Amino acid sequence: MLVYEVDSVEKSDIVVRAVSARNAADLLVCKATVRGAAAGRDDVWCFVERYLKDKSHRVYFTDNAAEAELTICYVPHRGAAGWVKIHELQDQLA
C-alpha cells in the first residue's frame, strides 16, 4: 500500500493507530522503501511524499484507540507481515 500521511482526520481515507504489541494489532506491516514492493499488498507500506490519486491512501495516525479504524504493528520482515484478525479493510488497502 502506498501511504500518504496527512495531518488531520478530515483529510484522511483511513485512521490508523500504530502499537508495539503484535497481539494488539489487526495488521502486521512491513515498511518498504520502494513503491513496487508495496504494490498490491495490504501488509507492505511505502510512504510517499505526495498523494497519488487512485494509487495511494491518505492516512492519519492517531494515538486514540477509539478513533482508529485500523490498528497496526510494524514488523522488520515481509514474511512476518499480514492480517492478524479478520477485518473489514482486508484486501481493501492494496
PDB file of N, CA and C in Angstrom:
ATOM      1  N   MET A   1       0.844  -1.172   0.000  1.00  0.00           N
ATOM      2  CA  MET A   1       0.000   0.000   0.000  1.00  0.00           C
ATOM      3  C   MET A   1       0.889   1.235   0.000  1.00  0.00           C
ATOM      4  N   LEU A   2       0.536   2.184  -0.815  1.00  0.00           N
ATOM      5  CA  LEU A   2       1.239   3.457  -0.803  1.00  0.00           C
ATOM      6  C   LEU A   2       0.537   4.368   0.189  1.00  0.00           C
ATOM      7  N   VAL A   3       1.298   4.917   1.120  1.00  0.00           N
ATOM      8  CA  VAL A   3       0.755   5.714   2.213  1.00  0.00           C
ATOM      9  C   VAL A   3       1.196   7.161   2.074  1.00  0.00           C
ATOM     10  N   TYR A   4       0.204   8.045   2.060  1.00  0.00           N
ATOM     11  CA  TYR A   4       0.470   9.478   2.104  1.00  0.00           C
ATOM     12  C   TYR A   4      -0.066   9.952   3.450  1.00  0.00           C
ATOM     13  N   GLU A   5       0.822  10.358   4.337  1.00  0.00           N
ATOM     14  CA  GLU A   5       0.424  10.754   5.689  1.00  0.00           C
ATOM     15  C   GLU A   5      -0.141  12.169   5.695  1.00  0.00           C
ATOM     16  N   VAL A   6      -1.316  12.330   6.314  1.00  0.00           N
ATOM     17  CA  VAL A   6      -1.967  13.638   6.415  1.00  0.00           C
ATOM     18  C   VAL A   6      -2.034  14.063   7.870  1.00  0.00           C
ATOM     19  N   ASP A   7      -2.341  15.348   8.083  1.00  0.00           N
ATOM     20  CA  ASP A   7      -2.286  15.902   9.431  1.00  0.00           C
ATOM     21  C   ASP A   7      -3.633  16.046  10.127  1.00  0.00           C
ATOM     22  N   SER A   8      -4.693  15.498   9.542  1.00  0.00           N
ATOM     23  CA  SER A   8      -5.994  15.570  10.209  1.00  0.00           C
ATOM     24  C   SER A   8      -6.896  14.416   9.763  1.00  0.00           C
ATOM     25  N   VAL A   9      -7.824  14.072  10.616  1.00  0.00           N
ATOM     26  CA  VAL A   9      -8.799  13.018  10.318  1.00  0.00           C
ATOM     27  C   VAL A   9      -9.617  13.398   9.096  1.00  0.00           C
ATOM     28  N   GLU A  10      -9.981  14.666   9.002  1.00  0.00           N
ATOM     29  CA  GLU A  10     -10.827  15.145   7.911  1.00  0.00           C
ATOM     30  C   GLU A  10     -10.202  14.935   6.530  1.00  0.00           C
ATOM     31  N   LYS A  11      -8.898  14.967   6.455  1.00  0.00           N
ATOM     32  CA  LYS A  11      -8.196  14.809   5.180  1.00  0.00           C
ATOM     33  C   LYS A  11      -7.894  13.341   4.852  1.00  0.00           C
ATOM     34  N   SER A  12      -8.217  12.435   5.762  1.00  0.00           N
ATOM     35  CA  SER A  12      -7.776  11.046   5.614  1.00  0.00           C
ATOM     36  C   SER A  12      -8.793  10.142   4.939  1.00  0.00           C
ATOM     37  N   ASP A  13      -8.263   9.062   4.363  1.00  0.00           N
ATOM     38  CA  ASP A  13      -9.084   7.959   3.873  1.00  0.00           C
ATOM     39  C   ASP A  13      -9.247   6.926   4.978  1.00  0.00           C
ATOM     40  N   ILE A  14      -8.248   6.850   5.842  1.00  0.00           N
ATOM     41  CA  ILE A  14      -8.232   5.870   6.919  1.00  0.00           C
ATOM     42  C   ILE A  14      -7.468   6.418   8.120  1.00  0.00           C
ATOM     43  N   VAL A  15      -7.959   6.086   9.310  1.00  0.00           N
ATOM     44  CA  VAL A  15      -7.314   6.497  10.558  1.00  0.00           C
ATOM     45  C   VAL A  15      -6.659   5.258  11.167  1.00  0.00           C
ATOM     46  N   VAL A  16      -5.349   5.368  11.418  1.00  0.00           N
ATOM     47  CA  VAL A  16      -4.554   4.220  11.845  1.00  0.00           C
ATOM     48  C   VAL A  16      -3.880   4.507  13.181  1.00  0.00           C
ATOM     49  N   ARG A  17      -3.836   3.475  14.000  1.00  0.00           N
ATOM     50  CA  ARG A  17      -3.096   3.543  15.266  1.00  0.00           C
ATOM     51  C   ARG A  17      -1.987   2.511  15.198  1.00  0.00           C
ATOM     52  N   ALA A  18      -0.766   2.928  15.456  1.00  0.00           N
ATOM     53  CA  ALA A  18       0.374   2.019  15.482  1.00  0.00           C
ATOM     54  C   ALA A  18       0.671   1.640  16.928  1.00  0.00           C
ATOM     55  N   VAL A  19       0.825   0.353  17.165  1.00  0.00           N
ATOM     56  CA  VAL A  19       1.120  -0.159  18.510  1.00  0.00           C
ATOM     57  C   VAL A  19       2.392  -0.992  18.457  1.00  0.00           C
ATOM     58  N   SER A  20       2.972  -1.254  19.622  1.00  0.00           N
ATOM     59  CA  SER A  20       4.209  -2.040  19.655  1.00  0.00           C
ATOM     60  C   SER A  20       3.956  -3.529  19.892  1.00  0.00           C
ATOM     61  N   ALA A  21       2.784  -3.876  20.377  1.00  0.00           N
ATOM     62  CA  ALA A  21       2.472  -5.283  20.650  1.00  0.00           C
ATOM     63  C   ALA A  21       1.763  -5.921  19.463  1.00  0.00           C
ATOM     64  N   ARG A  22       2.365  -6.964  18.918  1.00  0.00           N
ATOM     65  CA  ARG A  22       1.781  -7.631  17.757  1.00  0.00           C
ATOM     66  C   ARG A  22       0.380  -8.164  18.035  1.00  0.00           C
ATOM     67  N   ASN A  23       0.168  -8.671  19.239  1.00  0.00           N
ATOM     68  CA  ASN A  23      -1.140  -9.269  19.550  1.00  0.00           C
ATOM     69  C   ASN A  23      -2.248  -8.231  19.702  1.00  0.00           C
ATOM     70  N   ALA A  24      -1.905  -6.955  19.739  1.00  0.00           N
ATOM     71  CA  ALA A  24      -2.903  -5.883  19.832  1.00  0.00           C
ATOM     72  C   ALA A  24      -3.259  -5.331  18.455  1.00  0.00           C
ATOM     73  N   ALA A  25      -2.585  -5.801  17.414  1.00  0.00           N
ATOM     74  CA  ALA A  25      -2.762  -5.266  16.068  1.00  0.00           C
ATOM     75  C   ALA A  25      -3.761  -6.073  15.254  1.00  0.00           C
ATOM     76  N   ASP A  26      -4.391  -5.362  14.310  1.00  0.00           N
ATOM     77  CA  ASP A  26      -5.223  -6.024  13.302  1.00  0.00           C
ATOM     78  C   ASP A  26      -4.346  -6.513  12.153  1.00  0.00           C
ATOM     79  N   LEU A  27      -3.305  -5.723  11.869  1.00  0.00           N
ATOM     80  CA  LEU A  27      -2.453  -5.967  10.711  1.00  0.00           C
ATOM     81  C   LEU A  27      -0.994  -5.736  11.093  1.00  0.00           C
ATOM     82  N   LEU A  28      -0.126  -6.685  10.725  1.00  0.00           N
ATOM     83  CA  LEU A  28       1.306  -6.521  10.894  1.00  0.00           C
ATOM     84  C   LEU A  28       1.853  -5.966   9.588  1.00  0.00           C
ATOM     85  N   VAL A  29       2.587  -4.856   9.669  1.00  0.00           N
ATOM     86  CA  VAL A  29       3.019  -4.111   8.484  1.00  0.00           C
ATOM     87  C   VAL A  29       4.535  -4.043   8.404  1.00  0.00           C
ATOM     88  N   CYS A  30       5.043  -4.304   7.220  1.00  0.00           N
ATOM     89  CA  CYS A  30       6.460  -4.127   6.932  1.00  0.00           C
ATOM     90  C   CYS A  30       6.602  -2.867   6.073  1.00  0.00           C
ATOM     91  N   LYS A  31       7.524  -2.003   6.434  1.00  0.00           N
ATOM     92  CA  LYS A  31       7.758  -0.792   5.646  1.00  0.00           C
ATOM     93  C   LYS A  31       8.689  -1.107   4.476  1.00  0.00           C
ATOM     94  N   ALA A  32       8.374  -0.549   3.321  1.00  0.00           N
ATOM     95  CA  ALA A  32       9.197  -0.714   2.126  1.00  0.00           C
ATOM     96  C   ALA A  32       9.734   0.646   1.698  1.00  0.00           C
ATOM     97  N   THR A  33      10.876   0.651   1.069  1.00  0.00           N
ATOM     98  CA  THR A  33      11.460   1.907   0.593  1.00  0.00           C
ATOM     99  C   THR A  33      11.167   2.149  -0.881  1.00  0.00           C
ATOM    100  N   VAL A  34      10.710   1.122  -1.582  1.00  0.00           N
ATOM    101  CA  VAL A  34      10.371   1.270  -2.997  1.00  0.00           C
ATOM    102  C   VAL A  34       8.893   0.955  -3.213  1.00  0.00           C
ATOM    103  N   ARG A  35       8.265   1.727  -4.069  1.00  0.00           N
ATOM    104  CA  ARG A  35       6.821   1.594  -4.304  1.00  0.00           C
ATOM    105  C   ARG A  35       6.418   0.218  -4.815  1.00  0.00           C
ATOM    106  N   GLY A  36       7.225  -0.348  -5.682  1.00  0.00           N
ATOM    107  CA  GLY A  36       6.885  -1.635  -6.273  1.00  0.00           C
ATOM    108  C   GLY A  36       6.709  -2.744  -5.250  1.00  0.00           C
ATOM    109  N   ALA A  37       7.450  -2.677  -4.163  1.00  0.00           N
ATOM    110  CA  ALA A  37       7.358  -3.702  -3.127  1.00  0.00           C
ATOM    111  C   ALA A  37       6.017  -3.653  -2.402  1.00  0.00           C
ATOM    112  N   ALA A  38       5.366  -2.493  -2.407  1.00  0.00           N
ATOM    113  CA  ALA A  38       4.098  -2.311  -1.706  1.00  0.00           C
ATOM    114  C   ALA A  38       2.891  -2.485  -2.612  1.00  0.00           C
ATOM    115  N   ALA A  39       3.112  -2.565  -3.897  1.00  0.00           N
ATOM    116  CA  ALA A  39       2.009  -2.654  -4.855  1.00  0.00           C
ATOM    117  C   ALA A  39       1.211  -3.935  -4.643  1.00  0.00           C
ATOM    118  N   GLY A  40      -0.100  -3.778  -4.511  1.00  0.00           N
ATOM    119  CA  GLY A  40      -0.982  -4.920  -4.365  1.00  0.00           C
ATOM    120  C   GLY A  40      -0.922  -5.607  -3.019  1.00  0.00           C
ATOM    121  N   ARG A  41      -0.322  -4.975  -2.033  1.00  0.00           N
ATOM    122  CA  ARG A  41      -0.157  -5.589  -0.719  1.00  0.00           C
ATOM    123  C   ARG A  41      -0.791  -4.725   0.353  1.00  0.00           C
ATOM    124  N   ASP A  42      -1.622  -5.321   1.195  1.00  0.00           N
ATOM    125  CA  ASP A  42      -2.157  -4.637   2.374  1.00  0.00           C
ATOM    126  C   ASP A  42      -1.086  -4.501   3.445  1.00  0.00           C
ATOM    127  N   ASP A  43      -0.192  -5.473   3.504  1.00  0.00           N
ATOM    128  CA  ASP A  43       0.733  -5.611   4.624  1.00  0.00           C
ATOM    129  C   ASP A  43       2.129  -5.036   4.407  1.00  0.00           C
ATOM    130  N   VAL A  44       2.384  -4.458   3.238  1.00  0.00           N
ATOM    131  CA  VAL A  44       3.653  -3.781   2.975  1.00  0.00           C
ATOM    132  C   VAL A  44       3.315  -2.346   2.611  1.00  0.00           C
ATOM    133  N   TRP A  45       3.862  -1.407   3.386  1.00  0.00           N
ATOM    134  CA  TRP A  45       3.542   0.002   3.196  1.00  0.00           C
ATOM    135  C   TRP A  45       4.773   0.776   2.769  1.00  0.00           C
ATOM    136  N   CYS A  46       4.592   1.601   1.755  1.00  0.00           N
ATOM    137  CA  CYS A  46       5.637   2.511   1.302  1.00  0.00           C
ATOM    138  C   CYS A  46       5.091   3.930   1.469  1.00  0.00           C
ATOM    139  N   PHE A  47       5.800   4.747   2.218  1.00  0.00           N
ATOM    140  CA  PHE A  47       5.373   6.120   2.455  1.00  0.00           C
ATOM    141  C   PHE A  47       5.823   7.004   1.296  1.00  0.00           C
ATOM    142  N   VAL A  48       4.884   7.770   0.753  1.00  0.00           N
ATOM    143  CA  VAL A  48       5.169   8.645  -0.379  1.00  0.00           C
ATOM    144  C   VAL A  48       5.034  10.099   0.050  1.00  0.00           C
ATOM    145  N   GLU A  49       5.718  10.968  -0.646  1.00  0.00           N
ATOM    146  CA  GLU A  49       5.743  12.381  -0.282  1.00  0.00           C
ATOM    147  C   GLU A  49       4.623  13.194  -0.893  1.00  0.00           C
ATOM    148  N   ARG A  50       3.948  12.628  -1.883  1.00  0.00           N
ATOM    149  CA  ARG A  50       2.788  13.331  -2.451  1.00  0.00           C
ATOM    150  C   ARG A  50       1.686  12.323  -2.724  1.00  0.00           C
ATOM    151  N   TYR A  51       0.469  12.811  -2.656  1.00  0.00           N
ATOM    152  CA  TYR A  51      -0.700  11.961  -2.860  1.00  0.00           C
ATOM    153  C   TYR A  51      -0.825  11.595  -4.336  1.00  0.00           C
ATOM    154  N   LEU A  52      -0.983  10.319  -4.596  1.00  0.00           N
ATOM    155  CA  LEU A  52      -1.150   9.827  -5.955  1.00  0.00           C
ATOM    156  C   LEU A  52      -2.575   9.315  -6.096  1.00  0.00           C
ATOM    157  N   LYS A  53      -3.422  10.081  -6.736  1.00  0.00           N
ATOM    158  CA  LYS A  53      -4.830   9.722  -6.852  1.00  0.00           C
ATOM    159  C   LYS A  53      -4.986   8.313  -7.427  1.00  0.00           C
ATOM    160  N   ASP A  54      -5.874   7.544  -6.818  1.00  0.00           N
ATOM    161  CA  ASP A  54      -6.180   6.170  -7.214  1.00  0.00           C
ATOM    162  C   ASP A  54      -5.027   5.199  -7.012  1.00  0.00           C
ATOM    163  N   LYS A  55      -3.933   5.636  -6.416  1.00  0.00           N
ATOM    164  CA  LYS A  55      -2.812   4.739  -6.165  1.00  0.00           C
ATOM    165  C   LYS A  55      -2.391   4.712  -4.708  1.00  0.00           C
ATOM    166  N   SER A  56      -2.671   5.776  -3.968  1.00  0.00           N
ATOM    167  CA  SER A  56      -2.247   5.827  -2.574  1.00  0.00           C
ATOM    168  C   SER A  56      -3.426   6.131  -1.659  1.00  0.00           C
ATOM    169  N   HIS A  57      -3.207   5.890  -0.374  1.00  0.00           N
ATOM    170  CA  HIS A  57      -4.225   6.159   0.639  1.00  0.00           C
ATOM    171  C   HIS A  57      -3.733   7.272   1.552  1.00  0.00           C
ATOM    172  N   ARG A  58      -4.636   8.195   1.853  1.00  0.00           N
ATOM    173  CA  ARG A  58      -4.320   9.267   2.799  1.00  0.00           C
ATOM    174  C   ARG A  58      -4.556   8.702   4.198  1.00  0.00           C
ATOM    175  N   VAL A  59      -3.490   8.660   5.005  1.00  0.00           N
ATOM    176  CA  VAL A  59      -3.548   8.035   6.323  1.00  0.00           C
ATOM    177  C   VAL A  59      -3.262   9.066   7.398  1.00  0.00           C
ATOM    178  N   TYR A  60      -4.136   9.063   8.401  1.00  0.00           N
ATOM    179  CA  TYR A  60      -3.910   9.873   9.594  1.00  0.00           C
ATOM    180  C   TYR A  60      -3.569   8.921  10.728  1.00  0.00           C
ATOM    181  N   PHE A  61      -2.456   9.175  11.406  1.00  0.00           N
ATOM    182  CA  PHE A  61      -2.044   8.341  12.532  1.00  0.00           C
ATOM    183  C   PHE A  61      -2.510   8.973  13.830  1.00  0.00           C
ATOM    184  N   THR A  62      -3.117   8.158  14.674  1.00  0.00           N
ATOM    185  CA  THR A  62      -3.652   8.616  15.948  1.00  0.00           C
ATOM    186  C   THR A  62      -3.137   7.742  17.081  1.00  0.00           C
ATOM    187  N   ASP A  63      -3.147   8.285  18.289  1.00  0.00           N
ATOM    188  CA  ASP A  63      -2.831   7.505  19.492  1.00  0.00           C
ATOM    189  C   ASP A  63      -4.111   7.039  20.176  1.00  0.00           C
ATOM    190  N   ASN A  64      -5.243   7.524  19.698  1.00  0.00           N
ATOM    191  CA  ASN A  64      -6.539   7.250  20.304  1.00  0.00           C
ATOM    192  C   ASN A  64      -7.132   5.957  19.727  1.00  0.00           C
ATOM    193  N   ALA A  65      -7.221   4.929  20.545  1.00  0.00           N
ATOM    194  CA  ALA A  65      -7.734   3.634  20.087  1.00  0.00           C
ATOM    195  C   ALA A  65      -9.170   3.735  19.592  1.00  0.00           C
ATOM    196  N   ALA A  66      -9.974   4.567  20.220  1.00  0.00           N
ATOM    197  CA  ALA A  66     -11.381   4.708  19.835  1.00  0.00           C
ATOM    198  C   ALA A  66     -11.537   5.390  18.477  1.00  0.00           C
ATOM    199  N   GLU A  67     -10.575   6.190  18.104  1.00  0.00           N
ATOM    200  CA  GLU A  67     -10.626   6.942  16.848  1.00  0.00           C
ATOM    201  C   GLU A  67     -10.130   6.102  15.658  1.00  0.00           C
ATOM    202  N   ALA A  68      -9.304   5.109  15.930  1.00  0.00           N
ATOM    203  CA  ALA A  68      -8.647   4.331  14.870  1.00  0.00           C
ATOM    204  C   ALA A  68      -9.597   3.360  14.187  1.00  0.00           C
ATOM    205  N   GLU A  69      -9.491   3.304  12.872  1.00  0.00           N
ATOM    206  CA  GLU A  69     -10.229   2.321  12.079  1.00  0.00           C
ATOM    207  C   GLU A  69      -9.415   1.047  11.924  1.00  0.00           C
ATOM    208  N   LEU A  70      -8.095   1.180  12.070  1.00  0.00           N
ATOM    209  CA  LEU A  70      -7.186   0.060  11.886  1.00  0.00           C
ATOM    210  C   LEU A  70      -6.029   0.209  12.862  1.00  0.00           C
ATOM    211  N   THR A  71      -5.643  -0.899  13.497  1.00  0.00           N
ATOM    212  CA  THR A  71      -4.500  -0.910  14.401  1.00  0.00           C
ATOM    213  C   THR A  71      -3.415  -1.766  13.769  1.00  0.00           C
ATOM    214  N   ILE A  72      -2.221  -1.182  13.660  1.00  0.00           N
ATOM    215  CA  ILE A  72      -1.106  -1.893  13.032  1.00  0.00           C
ATOM    216  C   ILE A  72       0.065  -2.018  13.996  1.00  0.00           C
ATOM    217  N   CYS A  73       0.935  -2.953  13.670  1.00  0.00           N
ATOM    218  CA  CYS A  73       2.217  -3.091  14.356  1.00  0.00           C
ATOM    219  C   CYS A  73       3.257  -3.283  13.270  1.00  0.00           C
ATOM    220  N   TYR A  74       4.340  -2.520  13.324  1.00  0.00           N
ATOM    221  CA  TYR A  74       5.393  -2.655  12.329  1.00  0.00           C
ATOM    222  C   TYR A  74       6.257  -3.877  12.649  1.00  0.00           C
ATOM    223  N   VAL A  75       6.601  -4.627  11.616  1.00  0.00           N
ATOM    224  CA  VAL A  75       7.477  -5.789  11.744  1.00  0.00           C
ATOM    225  C   VAL A  75       8.657  -5.597  10.794  1.00  0.00           C
ATOM    226  N   PRO A  76       9.798  -6.225  11.103  1.00  0.00           N
ATOM    227  CA  PRO A  76      11.001  -5.965  10.309  1.00  0.00           C
ATOM    228  C   PRO A  76      11.083  -6.688   8.962  1.00  0.00           C
ATOM    229  N   HIS A  77      10.295  -7.740   8.783  1.00  0.00           N
ATOM    230  CA  HIS A  77      10.411  -8.534   7.561  1.00  0.00           C
ATOM    231  C   HIS A  77       9.046  -8.798   6.935  1.00  0.00           C
ATOM    232  N   ARG A  78       9.019  -8.875   5.619  1.00  0.00           N
ATOM    233  CA  ARG A  78       7.765  -9.135   4.897  1.00  0.00           C
ATOM    234  C   ARG A  78       7.145 -10.467   5.280  1.00  0.00           C
ATOM    235  N   GLY A  79       7.976 -11.432   5.591  1.00  0.00           N
ATOM    236  CA  GLY A  79       7.478 -12.755   5.958  1.00  0.00           C
ATOM    237  C   GLY A  79       6.641 -12.745   7.231  1.00  0.00           C
ATOM    238  N   ALA A  80       6.867 -11.754   8.087  1.00  0.00           N
ATOM    239  CA  ALA A  80       6.112 -11.639   9.336  1.00  0.00           C
ATOM    240  C   ALA A  80       4.869 -10.770   9.183  1.00  0.00           C
ATOM    241  N   ALA A  81       4.745 -10.100   8.041  1.00  0.00           N
ATOM    242  CA  ALA A  81       3.624  -9.178   7.819  1.00  0.00           C
ATOM    243  C   ALA A  81       2.372  -9.946   7.413  1.00  0.00           C
ATOM    244  N   GLY A  82       1.221  -9.352   7.753  1.00  0.00           N
ATOM    245  CA  GLY A  82      -0.051  -9.941   7.348  1.00  0.00           C
ATOM    246  C   GLY A  82      -1.153  -9.629   8.336  1.00  0.00           C
ATOM    247  N   TRP A  83      -2.345 -10.018   7.973  1.00  0.00           N
ATOM    248  CA  TRP A  83      -3.504  -9.789   8.831  1.00  0.00           C
ATOM    249  C   TRP A  83      -3.468 -10.738  10.018  1.00  0.00           C
ATOM    250  N   VAL A  84      -3.712 -10.180  11.195  1.00  0.00           N
ATOM    251  CA  VAL A  84      -3.753 -10.960  12.426  1.00  0.00           C
ATOM    252  C   VAL A  84      -5.193 -11.328  12.751  1.00  0.00           C
ATOM    253  N   LYS A  85      -6.093 -10.406  12.444  1.00  0.00           N
ATOM    254  CA  LYS A  85      -7.510 -10.574  12.748  1.00  0.00           C
ATOM    255  C   LYS A  85      -8.336 -10.350  11.488  1.00  0.00           C
ATOM    256  N   ILE A  86      -9.493 -10.963  11.431  1.00  0.00           N
ATOM    257  CA  ILE A  86     -10.418 -10.687  10.343  1.00  0.00           C
ATOM    258  C   ILE A  86     -10.853  -9.230  10.486  1.00  0.00           C
ATOM    259  N   HIS A  87     -10.807  -8.502   9.382  1.00  0.00           N
ATOM    260  CA  HIS A  87     -11.075  -7.061   9.435  1.00  0.00           C
ATOM    261  C   HIS A  87     -11.787  -6.624   8.170  1.00  0.00           C
ATOM    262  N   GLU A  88     -12.683  -5.646   8.300  1.00  0.00           N
ATOM    263  CA  GLU A  88     -13.437  -5.154   7.143  1.00  0.00           C
ATOM    264  C   GLU A  88     -12.561  -4.529   6.059  1.00  0.00           C
ATOM    265  N   LEU A  89     -11.364  -4.100   6.406  1.00  0.00           N
ATOM    266  CA  LEU A  89     -10.456  -3.480   5.440  1.00  0.00           C
ATOM    267  C   LEU A  89      -9.553  -4.495   4.733  1.00  0.00           C
ATOM    268  N   GLN A  90      -9.670  -5.754   5.101  1.00  0.00           N
ATOM    269  CA  GLN A  90      -8.845  -6.790   4.491  1.00  0.00           C
ATOM    270  C   GLN A  90      -9.062  -6.805   2.971  1.00  0.00           C
ATOM    271  N   ASP A  91      -7.966  -6.773   2.247  1.00  0.00           N
ATOM    272  CA  ASP A  91      -7.942  -6.739   0.780  1.00  0.00           C
ATOM    273  C   ASP A  91      -8.525  -5.453   0.192  1.00  0.00           C
ATOM    274  N   GLN A  92      -8.688  -4.414   0.998  1.00  0.00           N
ATOM    275  CA  GLN A  92      -9.208  -3.129   0.529  1.00  0.00           C
ATOM    276  C   GLN A  92      -8.132  -2.056   0.463  1.00  0.00           C
ATOM    277  N   LEU A  93      -6.958  -2.347   0.994  1.00  0.00           N
ATOM    278  CA  LEU A  93      -5.916  -1.338   1.104  1.00  0.00           C
ATOM    279  C   LEU A  93      -4.954  -1.336  -0.074  1.00  0.00           C
ATOM    280  N   ALA A  94      -4.761  -2.456  -0.683  1.00  0.00           N
ATOM    281  CA  ALA A  94      -3.765  -2.608  -1.748  1.00  0.00           C
ATOM    282  C   ALA A  94      -4.108  -1.792  -2.976  1.00  0.00           C
TER     283      ALA A  94
END
